[in-house]
Amino acid sequence: MGKHIDMISLIKLQVEGGKVVRHEDWWDKKPLWNRETITTPLVGRFMEMTRRGSMLTTHLMMRFGKDPSP
């Protein structure tokens, strides 16, 4: 829409034995709300469920990354 937005993002990965065992996204130098970072665990759990539902919906819309048939 012609409006420029600057957003600072950070991805933290915890790697053990060459495998990623934990992944964190931070926006504007703050962690995303989840049950560990918010004072009300129920709200944090709801935020996690909303994020996961959004991710699943995106995967369904993209047909789990499969190329469309010609």
PDB file of N, CA and C in Angstrom:
ATOM      1  N   MET A   1       0.812  -1.182   0.000  1.00  0.00           N
ATOM      2  CA  MET A   1       0.000   0.000   0.000  1.00  0.00           C
ATOM      3  C   MET A   1       0.863   1.256   0.000  1.00  0.00           C
ATOM      4  N   GLY A   2       2.143   1.121  -0.295  1.00  0.00           N
ATOM      5  CA  GLY A   2       3.001   2.272  -0.400  1.00  0.00           C
ATOM      6  C   GLY A   2       3.586   2.761   0.906  1.00  0.00           C
ATOM      7  N   LYS A   3       3.301   2.073   2.011  1.00  0.00           N
ATOM      8  CA  LYS A   3       3.813   2.492   3.314  1.00  0.00           C
ATOM      9  C   LYS A   3       4.978   1.586   3.711  1.00  0.00           C
ATOM     10  N   HIS A   4       6.109   2.188   4.041  1.00  0.00           N
ATOM     11  CA  HIS A   4       7.280   1.413   4.441  1.00  0.00           C
ATOM     12  C   HIS A   4       7.237   1.141   5.942  1.00  0.00           C
ATOM     13  N   ILE A   5       7.544  -0.089   6.306  1.00  0.00           N
ATOM     14  CA  ILE A   5       7.564  -0.485   7.713  1.00  0.00           C
ATOM     15  C   ILE A   5       8.913  -1.120   8.009  1.00  0.00           C
ATOM     16  N   ASP A   6       9.591  -0.628   9.025  1.00  0.00           N
ATOM     17  CA  ASP A   6      10.840  -1.238   9.477  1.00  0.00           C
ATOM     18  C   ASP A   6      10.543  -2.072  10.714  1.00  0.00           C
ATOM     19  N   MET A   7      10.888  -3.353  10.656  1.00  0.00           N
ATOM     20  CA  MET A   7      10.639  -4.251  11.768  1.00  0.00           C
ATOM     21  C   MET A   7      11.929  -5.004  12.066  1.00  0.00           C
ATOM     22  N   ILE A   8      12.310  -5.004  13.311  1.00  0.00           N
ATOM     23  CA  ILE A   8      13.504  -5.724  13.737  1.00  0.00           C
ATOM     24  C   ILE A   8      13.066  -7.123  14.147  1.00  0.00           C
ATOM     25  N   SER A   9      13.673  -8.141  13.550  1.00  0.00           N
ATOM     26  CA  SER A   9      13.337  -9.517  13.910  1.00  0.00           C
ATOM     27  C   SER A   9      14.615 -10.277  14.273  1.00  0.00           C
ATOM     28  N   LEU A  10      14.441 -11.265  15.121  1.00  0.00           N
ATOM     29  CA  LEU A  10      15.557 -12.087  15.577  1.00  0.00           C
ATOM     30  C   LEU A  10      15.071 -13.519  15.689  1.00  0.00           C
ATOM     31  N   ILE A  11      15.840 -14.450  15.185  1.00  0.00           N
ATOM     32  CA  ILE A  11      15.524 -15.866  15.305  1.00  0.00           C
ATOM     33  C   ILE A  11      16.609 -16.502  16.151  1.00  0.00           C
ATOM     34  N   LYS A  12      16.205 -17.134  17.254  1.00  0.00           N
ATOM     35  CA  LYS A  12      17.152 -17.822  18.126  1.00  0.00           C
ATOM     36  C   LYS A  12      16.987 -19.327  17.934  1.00  0.00           C
ATOM     37  N   LEU A  13      18.083 -19.999  17.645  1.00  0.00           N
ATOM     38  CA  LEU A  13      18.071 -21.448  17.475  1.00  0.00           C
ATOM     39  C   LEU A  13      18.955 -22.090  18.527  1.00  0.00           C
ATOM     40  N   GLN A  14      18.461 -23.150  19.144  1.00  0.00           N
ATOM     41  CA  GLN A  14      19.272 -23.931  20.068  1.00  0.00           C
ATOM     42  C   GLN A  14      19.582 -25.244  19.352  1.00  0.00           C
ATOM     43  N   VAL A  15      20.871 -25.505  19.132  1.00  0.00           N
ATOM     44  CA  VAL A  15      21.304 -26.661  18.358  1.00  0.00           C
ATOM     45  C   VAL A  15      22.042 -27.625  19.274  1.00  0.00           C
ATOM     46  N   GLU A  16      21.674 -28.893  19.196  1.00  0.00           N
ATOM     47  CA  GLU A  16      22.370 -29.951  19.935  1.00  0.00           C
ATOM     48  C   GLU A  16      22.634 -31.105  18.978  1.00  0.00           C
ATOM     49  N   GLY A  17      23.870 -31.481  18.867  1.00  0.00           N
ATOM     50  CA  GLY A  17      24.229 -32.598  17.995  1.00  0.00           C
ATOM     51  C   GLY A  17      23.900 -32.350  16.531  1.00  0.00           C
ATOM     52  N   GLY A  18      23.982 -31.104  16.091  1.00  0.00           N
ATOM     53  CA  GLY A  18      23.708 -30.776  14.699  1.00  0.00           C
ATOM     54  C   GLY A  18      22.230 -30.666  14.372  1.00  0.00           C
ATOM     55  N   LYS A  19      21.335 -30.796  15.368  1.00  0.00           N
ATOM     56  CA  LYS A  19      19.895 -30.694  15.135  1.00  0.00           C
ATOM     57  C   LYS A  19      19.323 -29.534  15.930  1.00  0.00           C
ATOM     58  N   VAL A  20      18.391 -28.833  15.343  1.00  0.00           N
ATOM     59  CA  VAL A  20      17.712 -27.732  16.026  1.00  0.00           C
ATOM     60  C   VAL A  20      16.713 -28.333  17.009  1.00  0.00           C
ATOM     61  N   VAL A  21      16.884 -28.018  18.297  1.00  0.00           N
ATOM     62  CA  VAL A  21      15.986 -28.555  19.324  1.00  0.00           C
ATOM     63  C   VAL A  21      15.037 -27.494  19.867  1.00  0.00           C
ATOM     64  N   ARG A  22      15.326 -26.219  19.616  1.00  0.00           N
ATOM     65  CA  ARG A  22      14.446 -25.133  20.047  1.00  0.00           C
ATOM     66  C   ARG A  22      14.578 -23.966  19.080  1.00  0.00           C
ATOM     67  N   HIS A  23      13.451 -23.347  18.769  1.00  0.00           N
ATOM     68  CA  HIS A  23      13.399 -22.242  17.823  1.00  0.00           C
ATOM     69  C   HIS A  23      12.550 -21.133  18.438  1.00  0.00           C
ATOM     70  N   GLU A  24      13.064 -19.899  18.459  1.00  0.00           N
ATOM     71  CA  GLU A  24      12.327 -18.755  19.003  1.00  0.00           C
ATOM     72  C   GLU A  24      12.355 -17.612  17.997  1.00  0.00           C
ATOM     73  N   ASP A  25      11.195 -16.986  17.783  1.00  0.00           N
ATOM     74  CA  ASP A  25      11.105 -15.779  16.972  1.00  0.00           C
ATOM     75  C   ASP A  25      10.916 -14.596  17.899  1.00  0.00           C
ATOM     76  N   TRP A  26      11.679 -13.538  17.698  1.00  0.00           N
ATOM     77  CA  TRP A  26      11.538 -12.306  18.472  1.00  0.00           C
ATOM     78  C   TRP A  26      11.233 -11.192  17.487  1.00  0.00           C
ATOM     79  N   TRP A  27      10.226 -10.354  17.801  1.00  0.00           N
ATOM     80  CA  TRP A  27       9.867  -9.203  16.980  1.00  0.00           C
ATOM     81  C   TRP A  27      10.046  -7.948  17.808  1.00  0.00           C
ATOM     82  N   ASP A  28      10.671  -6.938  17.228  1.00  0.00           N
ATOM     83  CA  ASP A  28      10.990  -5.691  17.922  1.00  0.00           C
ATOM     84  C   ASP A  28      11.723  -5.946  19.241  1.00  0.00           C
ATOM     85  N   LYS A  29      12.642  -6.880  19.221  1.00  0.00           N
ATOM     86  CA  LYS A  29      13.483  -7.239  20.377  1.00  0.00           C
ATOM     87  C   LYS A  29      12.679  -7.777  21.553  1.00  0.00           C
ATOM     88  N   LYS A  30      11.498  -8.344  21.284  1.00  0.00           N
ATOM     89  CA  LYS A  30      10.666  -8.935  22.331  1.00  0.00           C
ATOM     90  C   LYS A  30      10.229 -10.325  21.895  1.00  0.00           C
ATOM     91  N   PRO A  31      10.209 -11.284  22.814  1.00  0.00           N
ATOM     92  CA  PRO A  31       9.748 -12.624  22.428  1.00  0.00           C
ATOM     93  C   PRO A  31       8.239 -12.614  22.146  1.00  0.00           C
ATOM     94  N   LEU A  32       7.801 -13.527  21.286  1.00  0.00           N
ATOM     95  CA  LEU A  32       6.377 -13.664  21.022  1.00  0.00           C
ATOM     96  C   LEU A  32       5.683 -14.158  22.283  1.00  0.00           C
ATOM     97  N   TRP A  33       4.416 -13.823  22.425  1.00  0.00           N
ATOM     98  CA  TRP A  33       3.674 -14.263  23.598  1.00  0.00           C
ATOM     99  C   TRP A  33       3.460 -15.766  23.546  1.00  0.00           C
ATOM    100  N   ASN A  34       3.834 -16.432  24.620  1.00  0.00           N
ATOM    101  CA  ASN A  34       3.529 -17.847  24.788  1.00  0.00           C
ATOM    102  C   ASN A  34       3.390 -18.123  26.282  1.00  0.00           C
ATOM    103  N   ARG A  35       3.172 -19.372  26.650  1.00  0.00           N
ATOM    104  CA  ARG A  35       2.906 -19.674  28.066  1.00  0.00           C
ATOM    105  C   ARG A  35       4.113 -19.427  28.963  1.00  0.00           C
ATOM    106  N   GLU A  36       5.317 -19.287  28.385  1.00  0.00           N
ATOM    107  CA  GLU A  36       6.512 -19.049  29.193  1.00  0.00           C
ATOM    108  C   GLU A  36       6.849 -17.562  29.327  1.00  0.00           C
ATOM    109  N   THR A  37       6.377 -16.727  28.398  1.00  0.00           N
ATOM    110  CA  THR A  37       6.788 -15.325  28.384  1.00  0.00           C
ATOM    111  C   THR A  37       5.705 -14.362  28.848  1.00  0.00           C
ATOM    112  N   ILE A  38       4.528 -14.844  29.156  1.00  0.00           N
ATOM    113  CA  ILE A  38       3.438 -13.969  29.577  1.00  0.00           C
ATOM    114  C   ILE A  38       3.037 -14.348  31.002  1.00  0.00           C
ATOM    115  N   THR A  39       2.541 -13.383  31.758  1.00  0.00           N
ATOM    116  CA  THR A  39       2.238 -13.636  33.171  1.00  0.00           C
ATOM    117  C   THR A  39       1.014 -14.516  33.371  1.00  0.00           C
ATOM    118  N   THR A  40       0.099 -14.549  32.407  1.00  0.00           N
ATOM    119  CA  THR A  40      -1.092 -15.397  32.506  1.00  0.00           C
ATOM    120  C   THR A  40      -0.913 -16.573  31.554  1.00  0.00           C
ATOM    121  N   PRO A  41      -0.557 -17.756  32.056  1.00  0.00           N
ATOM    122  CA  PRO A  41      -0.275 -18.903  31.180  1.00  0.00           C
ATOM    123  C   PRO A  41      -1.435 -19.267  30.256  1.00  0.00           C
ATOM    124  N   LEU A  42      -2.682 -19.068  30.698  1.00  0.00           N
ATOM    125  CA  LEU A  42      -3.824 -19.415  29.853  1.00  0.00           C
ATOM    126  C   LEU A  42      -3.853 -18.558  28.587  1.00  0.00           C
ATOM    127  N   VAL A  43      -3.559 -17.267  28.725  1.00  0.00           N
ATOM    128  CA  VAL A  43      -3.509 -16.373  27.564  1.00  0.00           C
ATOM    129  C   VAL A  43      -2.352 -16.778  26.651  1.00  0.00           C
ATOM    130  N   GLY A  44      -1.210 -17.116  27.221  1.00  0.00           N
ATOM    131  CA  GLY A  44      -0.061 -17.556  26.427  1.00  0.00           C
ATOM    132  C   GLY A  44      -0.356 -18.827  25.664  1.00  0.00           C
ATOM    133  N   ARG A  45      -1.053 -19.754  26.310  1.00  0.00           N
ATOM    134  CA  ARG A  45      -1.423 -21.006  25.639  1.00  0.00           C
ATOM    135  C   ARG A  45      -2.378 -20.718  24.478  1.00  0.00           C
ATOM    136  N   PHE A  46      -3.334 -19.787  24.692  1.00  0.00           N
ATOM    137  CA  PHE A  46      -4.253 -19.396  23.627  1.00  0.00           C
ATOM    138  C   PHE A  46      -3.483 -18.788  22.443  1.00  0.00           C
ATOM    139  N   MET A  47      -2.491 -17.949  22.728  1.00  0.00           N
ATOM    140  CA  MET A  47      -1.688 -17.344  21.663  1.00  0.00           C
ATOM    141  C   MET A  47      -0.934 -18.412  20.869  1.00  0.00           C
ATOM    142  N   GLU A  48      -0.391 -19.429  21.567  1.00  0.00           N
ATOM    143  CA  GLU A  48       0.302 -20.521  20.885  1.00  0.00           C
ATOM    144  C   GLU A  48      -0.656 -21.290  19.979  1.00  0.00           C
ATOM    145  N   MET A  49      -1.859 -21.579  20.488  1.00  0.00           N
ATOM    146  CA  MET A  49      -2.841 -22.317  19.690  1.00  0.00           C
ATOM    147  C   MET A  49      -3.256 -21.510  18.460  1.00  0.00           C
ATOM    148  N   THR A  50      -3.411 -20.202  18.630  1.00  0.00           N
ATOM    149  CA  THR A  50      -3.774 -19.341  17.501  1.00  0.00           C
ATOM    150  C   THR A  50      -2.679 -19.353  16.442  1.00  0.00           C
ATOM    151  N   ARG A  51      -1.422 -19.255  16.876  1.00  0.00           N
ATOM    152  CA  ARG A  51      -0.295 -19.284  15.936  1.00  0.00           C
ATOM    153  C   ARG A  51      -0.225 -20.613  15.203  1.00  0.00           C
ATOM    154  N   ARG A  52      -0.394 -21.718  15.935  1.00  0.00           N
ATOM    155  CA  ARG A  52      -0.333 -23.039  15.301  1.00  0.00           C
ATOM    156  C   ARG A  52      -1.489 -23.246  14.339  1.00  0.00           C
ATOM    157  N   GLY A  53      -2.680 -22.753  14.695  1.00  0.00           N
ATOM    158  CA  GLY A  53      -3.823 -22.849  13.803  1.00  0.00           C
ATOM    159  C   GLY A  53      -3.597 -22.064  12.530  1.00  0.00           C
ATOM    160  N   SER A  54      -3.007 -20.894  12.660  1.00  0.00           N
ATOM    161  CA  SER A  54      -2.681 -20.076  11.494  1.00  0.00           C
ATOM    162  C   SER A  54      -1.673 -20.788  10.598  1.00  0.00           C
ATOM    163  N   MET A  55      -0.676 -21.421  11.215  1.00  0.00           N
ATOM    164  CA  MET A  55       0.332 -22.164  10.458  1.00  0.00           C
ATOM    165  C   MET A  55      -0.317 -23.327   9.706  1.00  0.00           C
ATOM    166  N   LEU A  56      -1.212 -24.077  10.379  1.00  0.00           N
ATOM    167  CA  LEU A  56      -1.879 -25.206   9.737  1.00  0.00           C
ATOM    168  C   LEU A  56      -2.761 -24.732   8.586  1.00  0.00           C
ATOM    169  N   THR A  57      -3.464 -23.629   8.782  1.00  0.00           N
ATOM    170  CA  THR A  57      -4.307 -23.074   7.723  1.00  0.00           C
ATOM    171  C   THR A  57      -3.467 -22.686   6.517  1.00  0.00           C
ATOM    172  N   THR A  58      -2.313 -22.079   6.768  1.00  0.00           N
ATOM    173  CA  THR A  58      -1.414 -21.706   5.666  1.00  0.00           C
ATOM    174  C   THR A  58      -0.944 -22.939   4.917  1.00  0.00           C
ATOM    175  N   HIS A  59      -0.573 -23.997   5.650  1.00  0.00           N
ATOM    176  CA  HIS A  59      -0.134 -25.239   5.006  1.00  0.00           C
ATOM    177  C   HIS A  59      -1.262 -25.857   4.181  1.00  0.00           C
ATOM    178  N   LEU A  60      -2.490 -25.825   4.711  1.00  0.00           N
ATOM    179  CA  LEU A  60      -3.621 -26.372   3.961  1.00  0.00           C
ATOM    180  C   LEU A  60      -3.865 -25.581   2.682  1.00  0.00           C
ATOM    181  N   MET A  61      -3.788 -24.260   2.777  1.00  0.00           N
ATOM    182  CA  MET A  61      -4.007 -23.426   1.600  1.00  0.00           C
ATOM    183  C   MET A  61      -2.920 -23.652   0.550  1.00  0.00           C
ATOM    184  N   MET A  62      -1.719 -23.986   1.002  1.00  0.00           N
ATOM    185  CA  MET A  62      -0.610 -24.225   0.074  1.00  0.00           C
ATOM    186  C   MET A  62      -0.505 -25.697  -0.295  1.00  0.00           C
ATOM    187  N   ARG A  63      -1.451 -26.497   0.147  1.00  0.00           N
ATOM    188  CA  ARG A  63      -1.468 -27.948  -0.073  1.00  0.00           C
ATOM    189  C   ARG A  63      -0.161 -28.588   0.379  1.00  0.00           C
ATOM    190  N   PHE A  64       0.295 -28.203   1.563  1.00  0.00           N
ATOM    191  CA  PHE A  64       1.493 -28.753   2.213  1.00  0.00           C
ATOM    192  C   PHE A  64       2.718 -28.689   1.328  1.00  0.00           C
ATOM    193  N   GLY A  65       2.841 -27.602   0.559  1.00  0.00           N
ATOM    194  CA  GLY A  65       4.053 -27.351  -0.226  1.00  0.00           C
ATOM    195  C   GLY A  65       4.139 -28.108  -1.527  1.00  0.00           C
ATOM    196  N   LYS A  66       3.056 -28.798  -1.924  1.00  0.00           N
ATOM    197  CA  LYS A  66       3.085 -29.539  -3.185  1.00  0.00           C
ATOM    198  C   LYS A  66       2.860 -28.582  -4.341  1.00  0.00           C
ATOM    199  N   ASP A  67       3.550 -28.843  -5.447  1.00  0.00           N
ATOM    200  CA  ASP A  67       3.366 -28.032  -6.644  1.00  0.00           C
ATOM    201  C   ASP A  67       2.012 -28.331  -7.258  1.00  0.00           C
ATOM    202  N   PRO A  68       1.335 -27.314  -7.777  1.00  0.00           N
ATOM    203  CA  PRO A  68       0.042 -27.573  -8.421  1.00  0.00           C
ATOM    204  C   PRO A  68       0.198 -28.406  -9.676  1.00  0.00           C
ATOM    205  N   SER A  69      -0.800 -29.212  -9.972  1.00  0.00           N
ATOM    206  CA  SER A  69      -0.774 -30.031 -11.188  1.00  0.00           C
ATOM    207  C   SER A  69      -1.000 -29.148 -12.404  1.00  0.00           C
ATOM    208  N   PRO A  70      -0.309 -29.461 -13.534  1.00  0.00           N
ATOM    209  CA  PRO A  70      -0.471 -28.632 -14.753  1.00  0.00           C
ATOM    210  C   PRO A  70      -1.818 -28.824 -15.392  1.00  0.00           C
TER     211      PRO A  70
END
